[in-house]
Amino acid sequence: MRTMSSSVPPRPDVQAAGGLPPDLVSSPAAGPVALRGSALRGVVYAATVGLSVISVPLLIRHLGIAEFGLYSVVISIVTIGAGLTDAGLVSIAVREWVTQTGQRRERAIRNLLGIRLELSAAGAAVAVGFALVAGYGNVLVLGTLIAGAGMVLQATANLVSAPLQG
C-alpha cells in the first residue's frame, strides 16, 4: 500500500498546472493557494446554502404538503441509491491524483471516472426499478428517472473535482 509520505520525488522537468511547482505542499506558494481555494469553496458553499434557503420554501409552497412528501420519497430513494454506489471513489481519486504523476495519474482518473459512471447508472436504474416494483405512479417513476440522471451527473462532477481537492 502506498502512502503520501512515500510518494515519488518530483521530477524537475514536470511543471504543474498554472506554473506552480510540482511539489506545491512544501513550497512557499502553498499558503496563498490553500487560502484562495478555501475562500472559494467557502463562498460557493455559502451561495449553495443561500439558494437552498430561498428555493425550499418556494418548492413546498408550489407543490403543497402531500406532493412535497412524494417529492421527498423520490429524492430519498435516489439518495439511497447514490449512497450504496458511492464506494469511496472520490477519496480514491484524490489519493491517486496526489500520489501519481503523468500518464499513471490520467489513467487512474479515467478508470475511476468509468467506474463512477457505471456504478451511478446502476444505482439510478435500481432506484427506478424500485419505484416500478413499489407501484408508484408514472409521475413518480419519471421523477425517479430524472432525479437518478441528476444523481449520475452530480456523482460524476464530484469525481471530476478530485484534482481541485487534491
N, C-alpha and C. Protein backbone atom coordinates (compact mmCIF):
# COMPACT_ATOMS: atom_id res chain seq x y z
N MET A 1 0.84 -1.18 0.00
CA MET A 1 0.00 0.00 0.00
C MET A 1 0.88 1.24 0.00
N ARG A 2 0.57 2.16 -0.82
CA ARG A 2 1.36 3.38 -0.98
C ARG A 2 0.78 4.47 -0.09
N THR A 3 1.63 5.20 0.59
CA THR A 3 1.19 6.32 1.42
C THR A 3 1.73 7.61 0.84
N MET A 4 1.19 8.73 1.32
CA MET A 4 1.62 10.02 0.79
C MET A 4 3.09 10.30 1.13
N SER A 5 3.58 9.79 2.26
CA SER A 5 4.95 10.07 2.64
C SER A 5 5.96 9.33 1.77
N SER A 6 5.51 8.28 1.08
CA SER A 6 6.43 7.53 0.23
C SER A 6 6.20 7.84 -1.24
N SER A 7 5.73 9.03 -1.54
CA SER A 7 5.44 9.37 -2.93
C SER A 7 6.74 9.52 -3.72
N VAL A 8 6.61 9.43 -5.01
CA VAL A 8 7.74 9.54 -5.91
C VAL A 8 8.27 10.97 -5.86
N PRO A 9 9.59 11.15 -5.79
CA PRO A 9 10.12 12.52 -5.76
C PRO A 9 9.78 13.26 -7.05
N PRO A 10 9.55 14.57 -6.95
CA PRO A 10 9.16 15.33 -8.14
C PRO A 10 10.28 15.39 -9.15
N ARG A 11 9.90 15.33 -10.41
CA ARG A 11 10.87 15.45 -11.49
C ARG A 11 11.02 16.92 -11.84
N PRO A 12 12.23 17.39 -12.08
CA PRO A 12 12.42 18.81 -12.37
C PRO A 12 11.80 19.22 -13.71
N ASP A 13 11.60 18.27 -14.64
CA ASP A 13 11.05 18.64 -15.94
C ASP A 13 9.52 18.64 -15.95
N VAL A 14 8.88 18.31 -14.82
CA VAL A 14 7.42 18.30 -14.74
C VAL A 14 6.96 19.59 -14.09
N GLN A 15 6.08 20.29 -14.75
CA GLN A 15 5.53 21.54 -14.21
C GLN A 15 4.04 21.34 -13.99
N ALA A 16 3.56 21.70 -12.83
CA ALA A 16 2.14 21.56 -12.51
C ALA A 16 1.34 22.65 -13.22
N ALA A 17 0.02 22.50 -13.18
CA ALA A 17 -0.87 23.47 -13.83
C ALA A 17 -0.68 24.86 -13.22
N GLY A 18 -0.80 25.87 -14.03
CA GLY A 18 -0.73 27.25 -13.56
C GLY A 18 0.68 27.71 -13.23
N GLY A 19 1.70 26.98 -13.63
CA GLY A 19 3.07 27.39 -13.37
C GLY A 19 3.50 27.17 -11.93
N LEU A 20 2.74 26.43 -11.16
CA LEU A 20 3.10 26.16 -9.76
C LEU A 20 4.14 25.06 -9.71
N PRO A 21 4.95 25.03 -8.66
CA PRO A 21 5.94 23.96 -8.55
C PRO A 21 5.25 22.61 -8.38
N PRO A 22 5.87 21.52 -8.87
CA PRO A 22 5.24 20.21 -8.78
C PRO A 22 5.01 19.76 -7.34
N ASP A 23 5.86 20.17 -6.41
CA ASP A 23 5.68 19.81 -5.01
C ASP A 23 5.15 21.04 -4.28
N LEU A 24 3.91 21.39 -4.57
CA LEU A 24 3.31 22.63 -4.06
C LEU A 24 3.23 22.65 -2.54
N VAL A 25 2.97 21.52 -1.93
CA VAL A 25 2.75 21.47 -0.48
C VAL A 25 3.97 21.95 0.29
N SER A 26 5.16 21.65 -0.18
CA SER A 26 6.35 22.05 0.56
C SER A 26 6.98 23.34 0.02
N SER A 27 6.27 24.03 -0.87
CA SER A 27 6.81 25.27 -1.40
C SER A 27 6.18 26.47 -0.69
N PRO A 28 6.78 27.66 -0.81
CA PRO A 28 6.22 28.86 -0.20
C PRO A 28 4.88 29.27 -0.80
N ALA A 29 4.55 28.78 -1.99
CA ALA A 29 3.28 29.13 -2.64
C ALA A 29 2.10 28.37 -2.06
N ALA A 30 2.34 27.39 -1.19
CA ALA A 30 1.27 26.55 -0.67
C ALA A 30 0.24 27.34 0.14
N GLY A 31 0.69 28.25 0.97
CA GLY A 31 -0.23 29.01 1.83
C GLY A 31 -1.23 29.84 1.04
N PRO A 32 -0.76 30.71 0.14
CA PRO A 32 -1.71 31.50 -0.64
C PRO A 32 -2.67 30.67 -1.49
N VAL A 33 -2.16 29.58 -2.07
CA VAL A 33 -3.02 28.71 -2.88
C VAL A 33 -4.09 28.07 -2.00
N ALA A 34 -3.70 27.60 -0.82
CA ALA A 34 -4.67 27.00 0.10
C ALA A 34 -5.71 28.01 0.56
N LEU A 35 -5.28 29.22 0.85
CA LEU A 35 -6.22 30.27 1.27
C LEU A 35 -7.21 30.61 0.17
N ARG A 36 -6.71 30.77 -1.07
CA ARG A 36 -7.62 31.08 -2.18
C ARG A 36 -8.61 29.95 -2.40
N GLY A 37 -8.13 28.73 -2.38
CA GLY A 37 -9.01 27.58 -2.58
C GLY A 37 -10.05 27.46 -1.49
N SER A 38 -9.63 27.66 -0.25
CA SER A 38 -10.57 27.58 0.88
C SER A 38 -11.60 28.70 0.81
N ALA A 39 -11.16 29.89 0.46
CA ALA A 39 -12.10 31.01 0.34
C ALA A 39 -13.11 30.75 -0.77
N LEU A 40 -12.65 30.25 -1.89
CA LEU A 40 -13.55 29.96 -3.00
C LEU A 40 -14.56 28.89 -2.61
N ARG A 41 -14.11 27.82 -1.98
CA ARG A 41 -15.03 26.77 -1.54
C ARG A 41 -16.02 27.30 -0.52
N GLY A 42 -15.57 28.17 0.38
CA GLY A 42 -16.47 28.76 1.37
C GLY A 42 -17.55 29.62 0.74
N VAL A 43 -17.17 30.42 -0.25
CA VAL A 43 -18.14 31.28 -0.94
C VAL A 43 -19.15 30.43 -1.70
N VAL A 44 -18.68 29.41 -2.38
CA VAL A 44 -19.59 28.54 -3.13
C VAL A 44 -20.53 27.81 -2.17
N TYR A 45 -20.02 27.33 -1.05
CA TYR A 45 -20.86 26.66 -0.06
C TYR A 45 -21.93 27.61 0.49
N ALA A 46 -21.53 28.82 0.82
CA ALA A 46 -22.49 29.80 1.35
C ALA A 46 -23.55 30.13 0.29
N ALA A 47 -23.16 30.25 -0.96
CA ALA A 47 -24.13 30.51 -2.03
C ALA A 47 -25.10 29.35 -2.18
N THR A 48 -24.59 28.13 -2.07
CA THR A 48 -25.45 26.96 -2.17
C THR A 48 -26.47 26.92 -1.04
N VAL A 49 -26.03 27.18 0.17
CA VAL A 49 -26.94 27.21 1.31
C VAL A 49 -27.97 28.32 1.13
N GLY A 50 -27.52 29.47 0.68
CA GLY A 50 -28.45 30.59 0.45
C GLY A 50 -29.51 30.25 -0.59
N LEU A 51 -29.11 29.62 -1.68
CA LEU A 51 -30.08 29.21 -2.69
C LEU A 51 -31.06 28.17 -2.14
N SER A 52 -30.57 27.27 -1.29
CA SER A 52 -31.45 26.28 -0.67
C SER A 52 -32.48 26.94 0.23
N VAL A 53 -32.04 27.92 1.01
CA VAL A 53 -32.95 28.62 1.92
C VAL A 53 -34.04 29.34 1.13
N ILE A 54 -33.70 29.83 -0.03
CA ILE A 54 -34.68 30.52 -0.86
C ILE A 54 -35.58 29.53 -1.61
N SER A 55 -35.00 28.47 -2.16
CA SER A 55 -35.76 27.59 -3.04
C SER A 55 -36.67 26.59 -2.33
N VAL A 56 -36.29 26.09 -1.17
CA VAL A 56 -37.11 25.08 -0.50
C VAL A 56 -38.49 25.61 -0.11
N PRO A 57 -38.61 26.78 0.50
CA PRO A 57 -39.97 27.26 0.79
C PRO A 57 -40.81 27.47 -0.48
N LEU A 58 -40.17 27.92 -1.56
CA LEU A 58 -40.91 28.09 -2.81
C LEU A 58 -41.37 26.74 -3.36
N LEU A 59 -40.52 25.74 -3.26
CA LEU A 59 -40.87 24.40 -3.72
C LEU A 59 -42.02 23.83 -2.90
N ILE A 60 -41.96 23.97 -1.59
CA ILE A 60 -43.02 23.45 -0.73
C ILE A 60 -44.33 24.18 -1.01
N ARG A 61 -44.27 25.47 -1.16
CA ARG A 61 -45.49 26.24 -1.45
C ARG A 61 -46.08 25.85 -2.79
N HIS A 62 -45.23 25.62 -3.78
CA HIS A 62 -45.71 25.26 -5.11
C HIS A 62 -46.32 23.85 -5.11
N LEU A 63 -45.65 22.89 -4.48
CA LEU A 63 -46.12 21.51 -4.52
C LEU A 63 -47.25 21.23 -3.53
N GLY A 64 -47.24 21.90 -2.41
CA GLY A 64 -48.18 21.55 -1.35
C GLY A 64 -47.58 20.45 -0.48
N ILE A 65 -48.19 20.22 0.66
CA ILE A 65 -47.63 19.28 1.63
C ILE A 65 -47.60 17.85 1.09
N ALA A 66 -48.71 17.37 0.54
CA ALA A 66 -48.77 15.98 0.07
C ALA A 66 -47.81 15.74 -1.09
N GLU A 67 -47.79 16.64 -2.05
CA GLU A 67 -46.90 16.49 -3.21
C GLU A 67 -45.43 16.62 -2.80
N PHE A 68 -45.14 17.49 -1.82
CA PHE A 68 -43.77 17.60 -1.34
C PHE A 68 -43.33 16.31 -0.66
N GLY A 69 -44.26 15.63 0.01
CA GLY A 69 -43.95 14.33 0.60
C GLY A 69 -43.55 13.31 -0.46
N LEU A 70 -44.27 13.31 -1.59
CA LEU A 70 -43.92 12.40 -2.68
C LEU A 70 -42.57 12.76 -3.29
N TYR A 71 -42.32 14.05 -3.42
CA TYR A 71 -41.02 14.53 -3.89
C TYR A 71 -39.92 14.03 -2.95
N SER A 72 -40.16 14.11 -1.66
CA SER A 72 -39.17 13.65 -0.67
C SER A 72 -38.92 12.16 -0.78
N VAL A 73 -39.96 11.39 -1.07
CA VAL A 73 -39.79 9.94 -1.25
C VAL A 73 -38.89 9.66 -2.43
N VAL A 74 -39.13 10.33 -3.55
CA VAL A 74 -38.31 10.12 -4.75
C VAL A 74 -36.86 10.49 -4.47
N ILE A 75 -36.65 11.64 -3.85
CA ILE A 75 -35.28 12.07 -3.55
C ILE A 75 -34.61 11.09 -2.58
N SER A 76 -35.36 10.58 -1.62
CA SER A 76 -34.80 9.61 -0.67
C SER A 76 -34.37 8.33 -1.37
N ILE A 77 -35.18 7.84 -2.27
CA ILE A 77 -34.84 6.61 -3.00
C ILE A 77 -33.56 6.81 -3.81
N VAL A 78 -33.48 7.92 -4.51
CA VAL A 78 -32.29 8.19 -5.33
C VAL A 78 -31.07 8.42 -4.45
N THR A 79 -31.24 9.06 -3.31
CA THR A 79 -30.12 9.29 -2.39
C THR A 79 -29.60 7.98 -1.81
N ILE A 80 -30.50 7.06 -1.51
CA ILE A 80 -30.07 5.73 -1.03
C ILE A 80 -29.27 5.03 -2.13
N GLY A 81 -29.76 5.10 -3.36
CA GLY A 81 -29.01 4.51 -4.48
C GLY A 81 -27.63 5.13 -4.63
N ALA A 82 -27.55 6.45 -4.47
CA ALA A 82 -26.25 7.13 -4.58
C ALA A 82 -25.33 6.71 -3.44
N GLY A 83 -25.87 6.59 -2.24
CA GLY A 83 -25.05 6.19 -1.10
C GLY A 83 -24.51 4.77 -1.24
N LEU A 84 -25.34 3.89 -1.78
CA LEU A 84 -24.91 2.50 -1.94
C LEU A 84 -23.88 2.33 -3.04
N THR A 85 -23.86 3.23 -4.01
CA THR A 85 -22.92 3.10 -5.12
C THR A 85 -21.73 4.05 -5.01
N ASP A 86 -21.61 4.76 -3.90
CA ASP A 86 -20.50 5.72 -3.77
C ASP A 86 -19.16 5.02 -3.77
N ALA A 87 -18.99 4.02 -2.95
CA ALA A 87 -17.79 3.19 -2.90
C ALA A 87 -16.50 3.96 -2.60
N GLY A 88 -16.62 5.17 -2.09
CA GLY A 88 -15.43 5.94 -1.73
C GLY A 88 -14.57 6.35 -2.91
N LEU A 89 -15.18 6.43 -4.10
CA LEU A 89 -14.39 6.69 -5.30
C LEU A 89 -13.76 8.08 -5.32
N VAL A 90 -14.42 9.06 -4.73
CA VAL A 90 -13.83 10.41 -4.71
C VAL A 90 -12.57 10.41 -3.86
N SER A 91 -12.61 9.74 -2.72
CA SER A 91 -11.42 9.66 -1.87
C SER A 91 -10.28 8.93 -2.59
N ILE A 92 -10.62 7.88 -3.29
CA ILE A 92 -9.60 7.15 -4.05
C ILE A 92 -9.04 8.05 -5.16
N ALA A 93 -9.92 8.81 -5.82
CA ALA A 93 -9.46 9.70 -6.90
C ALA A 93 -8.53 10.78 -6.36
N VAL A 94 -8.86 11.34 -5.21
CA VAL A 94 -7.98 12.36 -4.61
C VAL A 94 -6.63 11.74 -4.26
N ARG A 95 -6.66 10.56 -3.69
CA ARG A 95 -5.39 9.89 -3.34
C ARG A 95 -4.56 9.61 -4.59
N GLU A 96 -5.20 9.11 -5.64
CA GLU A 96 -4.46 8.81 -6.86
C GLU A 96 -3.93 10.08 -7.52
N TRP A 97 -4.70 11.16 -7.46
CA TRP A 97 -4.26 12.42 -8.04
C TRP A 97 -3.01 12.93 -7.32
N VAL A 98 -2.99 12.79 -6.01
CA VAL A 98 -1.88 13.31 -5.22
C VAL A 98 -0.64 12.42 -5.34
N THR A 99 -0.82 11.12 -5.40
CA THR A 99 0.33 10.22 -5.35
C THR A 99 0.89 9.83 -6.72
N GLN A 100 0.14 10.04 -7.79
CA GLN A 100 0.59 9.65 -9.12
C GLN A 100 0.99 10.89 -9.92
N THR A 101 1.70 10.66 -11.02
CA THR A 101 2.06 11.75 -11.93
C THR A 101 1.86 11.28 -13.36
N GLY A 102 1.74 12.24 -14.26
CA GLY A 102 1.73 11.97 -15.69
C GLY A 102 0.65 11.00 -16.14
N GLN A 103 1.07 10.05 -16.99
CA GLN A 103 0.14 9.09 -17.59
C GLN A 103 -0.54 8.20 -16.55
N ARG A 104 0.17 7.82 -15.51
CA ARG A 104 -0.43 6.97 -14.48
C ARG A 104 -1.57 7.70 -13.79
N ARG A 105 -1.40 8.99 -13.52
CA ARG A 105 -2.45 9.80 -12.89
C ARG A 105 -3.66 9.89 -13.81
N GLU A 106 -3.42 10.21 -15.07
CA GLU A 106 -4.53 10.35 -16.02
C GLU A 106 -5.28 9.03 -16.20
N ARG A 107 -4.54 7.93 -16.30
CA ARG A 107 -5.17 6.62 -16.46
C ARG A 107 -6.01 6.26 -15.24
N ALA A 108 -5.49 6.54 -14.05
CA ALA A 108 -6.24 6.25 -12.83
C ALA A 108 -7.54 7.05 -12.77
N ILE A 109 -7.48 8.33 -13.10
CA ILE A 109 -8.68 9.17 -13.06
C ILE A 109 -9.68 8.72 -14.12
N ARG A 110 -9.20 8.38 -15.32
CA ARG A 110 -10.10 7.89 -16.37
C ARG A 110 -10.80 6.60 -15.93
N ASN A 111 -10.04 5.68 -15.34
CA ASN A 111 -10.62 4.43 -14.87
C ASN A 111 -11.65 4.67 -13.77
N LEU A 112 -11.31 5.54 -12.83
CA LEU A 112 -12.24 5.85 -11.75
C LEU A 112 -13.49 6.55 -12.28
N LEU A 113 -13.34 7.38 -13.29
CA LEU A 113 -14.50 8.04 -13.88
C LEU A 113 -15.42 7.01 -14.54
N GLY A 114 -14.84 6.05 -15.23
CA GLY A 114 -15.65 4.98 -15.82
C GLY A 114 -16.39 4.17 -14.77
N ILE A 115 -15.69 3.83 -13.70
CA ILE A 115 -16.34 3.10 -12.60
C ILE A 115 -17.45 3.93 -12.00
N ARG A 116 -17.19 5.23 -11.80
CA ARG A 116 -18.19 6.13 -11.23
C ARG A 116 -19.45 6.17 -12.09
N LEU A 117 -19.28 6.31 -13.41
CA LEU A 117 -20.43 6.36 -14.31
C LEU A 117 -21.21 5.05 -14.28
N GLU A 118 -20.51 3.93 -14.28
CA GLU A 118 -21.20 2.63 -14.26
C GLU A 118 -21.95 2.42 -12.95
N LEU A 119 -21.30 2.68 -11.83
CA LEU A 119 -21.96 2.49 -10.54
C LEU A 119 -23.14 3.44 -10.35
N SER A 120 -22.97 4.70 -10.74
CA SER A 120 -24.06 5.66 -10.59
C SER A 120 -25.24 5.31 -11.48
N ALA A 121 -24.96 4.91 -12.71
CA ALA A 121 -26.04 4.50 -13.61
C ALA A 121 -26.76 3.27 -13.06
N ALA A 122 -26.01 2.33 -12.49
CA ALA A 122 -26.63 1.14 -11.89
C ALA A 122 -27.49 1.54 -10.69
N GLY A 123 -27.00 2.46 -9.87
CA GLY A 123 -27.78 2.93 -8.72
C GLY A 123 -29.06 3.62 -9.15
N ALA A 124 -28.98 4.43 -10.20
CA ALA A 124 -30.18 5.10 -10.72
C ALA A 124 -31.15 4.08 -11.29
N ALA A 125 -30.64 3.07 -11.98
CA ALA A 125 -31.51 2.03 -12.55
C ALA A 125 -32.21 1.24 -11.44
N VAL A 126 -31.48 0.93 -10.38
CA VAL A 126 -32.09 0.22 -9.25
C VAL A 126 -33.17 1.08 -8.59
N ALA A 127 -32.92 2.38 -8.47
CA ALA A 127 -33.91 3.28 -7.88
C ALA A 127 -35.17 3.33 -8.73
N VAL A 128 -35.02 3.41 -10.05
CA VAL A 128 -36.18 3.42 -10.94
C VAL A 128 -36.89 2.07 -10.88
N GLY A 129 -36.12 1.00 -10.85
CA GLY A 129 -36.72 -0.33 -10.72
C GLY A 129 -37.51 -0.48 -9.43
N PHE A 130 -36.98 0.05 -8.35
CA PHE A 130 -37.70 0.01 -7.07
C PHE A 130 -39.01 0.78 -7.18
N ALA A 131 -38.96 1.96 -7.80
CA ALA A 131 -40.18 2.76 -7.95
C ALA A 131 -41.22 2.00 -8.77
N LEU A 132 -40.79 1.27 -9.78
CA LEU A 132 -41.72 0.47 -10.58
C LEU A 132 -42.31 -0.68 -9.77
N VAL A 133 -41.45 -1.42 -9.08
CA VAL A 133 -41.90 -2.57 -8.30
C VAL A 133 -42.79 -2.14 -7.14
N ALA A 134 -42.50 -0.98 -6.54
CA ALA A 134 -43.30 -0.49 -5.42
C ALA A 134 -44.67 0.00 -5.86
N GLY A 135 -44.88 0.10 -7.18
CA GLY A 135 -46.18 0.50 -7.68
C GLY A 135 -46.43 2.00 -7.69
N TYR A 136 -45.35 2.77 -7.70
CA TYR A 136 -45.52 4.22 -7.78
C TYR A 136 -46.14 4.57 -9.13
N GLY A 137 -46.82 5.67 -9.18
CA GLY A 137 -47.44 6.11 -10.43
C GLY A 137 -46.40 6.54 -11.45
N ASN A 138 -46.89 6.77 -12.66
CA ASN A 138 -45.99 7.16 -13.76
C ASN A 138 -45.21 8.42 -13.45
N VAL A 139 -45.85 9.38 -12.80
CA VAL A 139 -45.18 10.65 -12.50
C VAL A 139 -44.02 10.42 -11.53
N LEU A 140 -44.23 9.58 -10.52
CA LEU A 140 -43.14 9.32 -9.56
C LEU A 140 -42.02 8.50 -10.18
N VAL A 141 -42.36 7.57 -11.04
CA VAL A 141 -41.32 6.79 -11.72
C VAL A 141 -40.51 7.71 -12.63
N LEU A 142 -41.19 8.58 -13.36
CA LEU A 142 -40.49 9.55 -14.20
C LEU A 142 -39.63 10.49 -13.35
N GLY A 143 -40.17 10.92 -12.21
CA GLY A 143 -39.40 11.76 -11.30
C GLY A 143 -38.16 11.05 -10.78
N THR A 144 -38.30 9.76 -10.49
CA THR A 144 -37.16 8.97 -10.04
C THR A 144 -36.11 8.86 -11.15
N LEU A 145 -36.58 8.69 -12.38
CA LEU A 145 -35.66 8.62 -13.52
C LEU A 145 -34.90 9.94 -13.68
N ILE A 146 -35.61 11.05 -13.60
CA ILE A 146 -34.97 12.36 -13.76
C ILE A 146 -34.00 12.63 -12.60
N ALA A 147 -34.45 12.34 -11.37
CA ALA A 147 -33.57 12.54 -10.21
C ALA A 147 -32.36 11.61 -10.28
N GLY A 148 -32.54 10.40 -10.79
CA GLY A 148 -31.42 9.47 -10.96
C GLY A 148 -30.41 9.98 -11.96
N ALA A 149 -30.90 10.58 -13.04
CA ALA A 149 -29.98 11.17 -14.03
C ALA A 149 -29.21 12.33 -13.40
N GLY A 150 -29.89 13.12 -12.59
CA GLY A 150 -29.21 14.21 -11.88
C GLY A 150 -28.17 13.69 -10.91
N MET A 151 -28.48 12.57 -10.26
CA MET A 151 -27.54 11.95 -9.33
C MET A 151 -26.29 11.46 -10.07
N VAL A 152 -26.47 10.91 -11.25
CA VAL A 152 -25.32 10.45 -12.04
C VAL A 152 -24.43 11.65 -12.39
N LEU A 153 -25.06 12.75 -12.81
CA LEU A 153 -24.28 13.96 -13.14
C LEU A 153 -23.56 14.51 -11.91
N GLN A 154 -24.25 14.54 -10.77
CA GLN A 154 -23.63 15.07 -9.55
C GLN A 154 -22.47 14.19 -9.08
N ALA A 155 -22.65 12.88 -9.12
CA ALA A 155 -21.57 11.98 -8.71
C ALA A 155 -20.37 12.12 -9.64
N THR A 156 -20.64 12.30 -10.93
CA THR A 156 -19.56 12.50 -11.90
C THR A 156 -18.82 13.81 -11.62
N ALA A 157 -19.59 14.86 -11.34
CA ALA A 157 -18.97 16.16 -11.03
C ALA A 157 -18.12 16.07 -9.77
N ASN A 158 -18.58 15.32 -8.78
CA ASN A 158 -17.79 15.16 -7.55
C ASN A 158 -16.46 14.48 -7.86
N LEU A 159 -16.47 13.47 -8.71
CA LEU A 159 -15.23 12.78 -9.03
C LEU A 159 -14.32 13.66 -9.88
N VAL A 160 -14.88 14.39 -10.81
CA VAL A 160 -14.07 15.25 -11.68
C VAL A 160 -13.42 16.37 -10.87
N SER A 161 -14.01 16.73 -9.72
CA SER A 161 -13.42 17.78 -8.89
C SER A 161 -12.28 17.27 -8.01
N ALA A 162 -11.94 16.00 -8.11
CA ALA A 162 -10.86 15.44 -7.29
C ALA A 162 -9.53 16.19 -7.44
N PRO A 163 -9.15 16.61 -8.66
CA PRO A 163 -7.90 17.39 -8.76
C PRO A 163 -7.95 18.70 -7.98
N LEU A 164 -9.10 19.33 -7.91
CA LEU A 164 -9.21 20.55 -7.13
C LEU A 164 -9.06 20.26 -5.63
N GLN A 165 -9.58 19.12 -5.20
CA GLN A 165 -9.45 18.74 -3.80
C GLN A 165 -8.04 18.31 -3.46
N GLY A 166 -7.36 17.71 -4.46
CA GLY A 166 -6.01 17.23 -4.24
C GLY A 166 -5.03 18.37 -4.25
